[in-house]
Amino acid sequence: MGSNKVSAAAESQYLADVAVAANFSDLLAAAQQAEQDYRKAQAVAAPASEQYPLARRLDVALTDAMHAAYAAQRAEIGPLGYEDRIYTRKAKAKPAVHAWTDEAERLLTLRETHRLTGFPAMPRAEELGAEIARLPEASGAAG
């Protein structure tokens, strides 16, 4: 009767989750900045061609932050949680894991609410084409 051994695959998944979780605060800050930018555009009634890319950026930022929170949850459980479902279930009862679960689900809810109610109408192709033509990279890539 010894301790359970962790496979190399579980250890590598754990280390990958630890690396993603380490970026959580940066990803959350990026999501907050994206939301501020989008809300400012909404407040001044910017055209859909300006609001849509900001809404898309907010969606991506919320998704990244949510994935990082779920990675932090798995990292908090530990490498044995990748292979032992009973261990995972018991670990989910710990307060630290609860906190990450709550944060991840909060971000998931924000993202889904944004997807259902926050996106402006998709701009027409002509509007997007005009927007892309104004980007500095587009003019440099044509030559």
Protein backbone atom coordinates (compact mmCIF):
# COMPACT_ATOMS: atom_id res chain seq x y z
CA MET A 1 0.00 0.00 0.00
CA GLY A 2 1.94 2.98 -1.25
CA SER A 3 1.02 6.30 -2.67
CA ASN A 4 -0.47 6.43 -6.12
CA LYS A 5 2.04 6.96 -8.92
CA VAL A 6 1.43 9.69 -11.43
CA SER A 7 2.04 8.91 -15.09
CA ALA A 8 4.23 11.07 -17.29
CA ALA A 9 1.18 12.12 -19.34
CA ALA A 10 -0.67 13.31 -16.23
CA GLU A 11 2.43 15.14 -15.04
CA SER A 12 2.82 16.91 -18.39
CA GLN A 13 -0.88 17.91 -18.42
CA TYR A 14 -0.49 19.21 -14.89
CA LEU A 15 2.58 21.28 -15.81
CA ALA A 16 0.78 22.68 -18.86
CA ASP A 17 -2.16 23.70 -16.67
CA VAL A 18 0.19 25.30 -14.13
CA ALA A 19 1.76 27.34 -16.94
CA VAL A 20 -1.63 28.51 -18.25
CA ALA A 21 -2.88 29.24 -14.72
CA ALA A 22 0.15 31.42 -14.07
CA ASN A 23 -1.15 33.84 -16.73
CA PHE A 24 -4.62 34.11 -15.19
CA SER A 25 -4.22 37.60 -13.72
CA ASP A 26 -2.85 38.97 -17.02
CA LEU A 27 -5.67 37.34 -18.99
CA LEU A 28 -8.27 38.66 -16.55
CA ALA A 29 -6.80 42.16 -16.84
CA ALA A 30 -6.94 41.87 -20.64
CA ALA A 31 -10.59 40.84 -20.43
CA GLN A 32 -11.38 43.79 -18.16
CA GLN A 33 -9.63 46.18 -20.58
CA ALA A 34 -11.47 44.66 -23.54
CA GLU A 35 -14.76 45.13 -21.71
CA GLN A 36 -13.96 48.76 -20.93
CA ASP A 37 -13.08 49.44 -24.57
CA TYR A 38 -16.27 47.78 -25.79
CA ARG A 39 -18.45 49.58 -23.24
CA LYS A 40 -16.93 52.93 -24.24
CA ALA A 41 -17.75 52.22 -27.88
CA GLN A 42 -21.31 51.34 -26.88
CA ALA A 43 -21.64 54.50 -24.79
CA VAL A 44 -20.73 56.77 -27.70
CA ALA A 45 -22.92 54.74 -30.08
CA ALA A 46 -20.02 53.85 -32.33
CA PRO A 47 -20.95 52.20 -35.63
CA ALA A 48 -21.23 48.42 -35.80
CA SER A 49 -18.02 48.26 -37.83
CA GLU A 50 -16.17 49.60 -34.76
CA GLN A 51 -18.18 47.79 -32.08
CA TYR A 52 -18.08 44.34 -33.64
CA PRO A 53 -14.27 43.87 -33.47
CA LEU A 54 -14.30 45.12 -29.87
CA ALA A 55 -17.10 42.68 -28.99
CA ARG A 56 -15.14 39.88 -30.65
CA ARG A 57 -12.00 40.86 -28.71
CA LEU A 58 -13.98 40.77 -25.46
CA ASP A 59 -15.32 37.31 -26.33
CA VAL A 60 -11.81 35.99 -26.98
CA ALA A 61 -10.43 37.60 -23.81
CA LEU A 62 -13.23 36.13 -21.66
CA THR A 63 -12.66 32.72 -23.22
CA ASP A 64 -8.92 32.86 -22.51
CA ALA A 65 -9.47 33.95 -18.90
CA MET A 66 -12.08 31.22 -18.40
CA HIS A 67 -9.73 28.56 -19.77
CA ALA A 68 -6.99 29.81 -17.44
CA ALA A 69 -9.35 29.60 -14.45
CA TYR A 70 -10.29 26.02 -15.30
CA ALA A 71 -6.57 25.23 -15.71
CA ALA A 72 -5.92 26.74 -12.27
CA GLN A 73 -8.70 24.57 -10.86
CA ARG A 74 -7.11 21.43 -12.33
CA ALA A 75 -3.67 22.54 -11.14
CA GLU A 76 -5.03 23.09 -7.64
CA ILE A 77 -6.39 19.53 -7.65
CA GLY A 78 -2.96 18.19 -8.59
CA PRO A 79 -1.52 15.71 -11.08
CA LEU A 80 -3.29 12.71 -9.56
CA GLY A 81 -6.60 14.30 -10.49
CA TYR A 82 -5.97 13.69 -14.19
CA GLU A 83 -6.16 9.93 -13.72
CA ASP A 84 -8.23 9.27 -10.60
CA ARG A 85 -11.81 10.49 -10.77
CA ILE A 86 -12.44 9.71 -7.09
CA TYR A 87 -9.43 11.81 -6.10
CA THR A 88 -10.72 14.60 -8.34
CA ARG A 89 -14.18 14.46 -6.82
CA LYS A 90 -12.80 14.62 -3.28
CA ALA A 91 -10.43 17.45 -4.19
CA LYS A 92 -13.29 19.53 -5.60
CA ALA A 93 -14.64 19.82 -2.06
CA LYS A 94 -11.59 21.83 -0.94
CA PRO A 95 -12.06 25.59 -0.53
CA ALA A 96 -9.20 26.54 -2.89
CA VAL A 97 -10.66 24.40 -5.67
CA HIS A 98 -14.13 25.83 -4.95
CA ALA A 99 -12.76 29.33 -5.43
CA TRP A 100 -11.30 28.49 -8.85
CA THR A 101 -14.48 26.68 -9.86
CA ASP A 102 -16.57 29.70 -8.90
CA GLU A 103 -14.29 32.06 -10.81
CA ALA A 104 -14.27 29.86 -13.92
CA GLU A 105 -18.05 29.52 -13.87
CA ARG A 106 -18.45 33.27 -13.35
CA LEU A 107 -16.31 33.91 -16.43
CA LEU A 108 -18.21 31.26 -18.38
CA THR A 109 -21.49 32.95 -17.48
CA LEU A 110 -20.12 36.36 -18.50
CA ARG A 111 -18.95 34.98 -21.83
CA GLU A 112 -22.24 33.23 -22.57
CA THR A 113 -24.26 36.31 -21.58
CA HIS A 114 -22.05 38.42 -23.83
CA ARG A 115 -22.52 35.98 -26.70
CA LEU A 116 -26.28 35.95 -26.28
CA THR A 117 -26.91 39.65 -25.70
CA GLY A 118 -23.73 41.66 -26.18
CA PHE A 119 -22.77 41.30 -29.82
CA PRO A 120 -23.82 44.07 -32.16
CA ALA A 121 -25.08 43.14 -35.59
CA MET A 122 -22.29 41.83 -37.76
CA PRO A 123 -21.21 44.62 -40.11
CA ARG A 124 -21.61 44.10 -43.80
CA ALA A 125 -18.62 43.07 -45.86
CA GLU A 126 -18.25 46.54 -47.40
CA GLU A 127 -17.95 48.13 -43.96
CA LEU A 128 -15.37 45.57 -42.83
CA GLY A 129 -13.45 46.01 -46.08
CA ALA A 130 -13.29 49.75 -45.52
CA GLU A 131 -12.20 49.18 -41.92
CA ILE A 132 -9.46 46.75 -42.99
CA ALA A 133 -8.23 49.13 -45.70
CA ARG A 134 -7.65 51.78 -43.01
CA LEU A 135 -5.37 49.49 -40.97
CA PRO A 136 -1.64 50.35 -41.29
CA GLU A 137 -0.68 46.68 -41.89
CA ALA A 138 -3.06 46.40 -44.85
CA SER A 139 -1.45 49.26 -46.75
CA GLY A 140 2.05 47.88 -46.14
CA ALA A 141 1.09 44.35 -47.19
CA ALA A 142 -0.26 45.52 -50.57
CA GLY A 143 3.12 46.74 -51.77
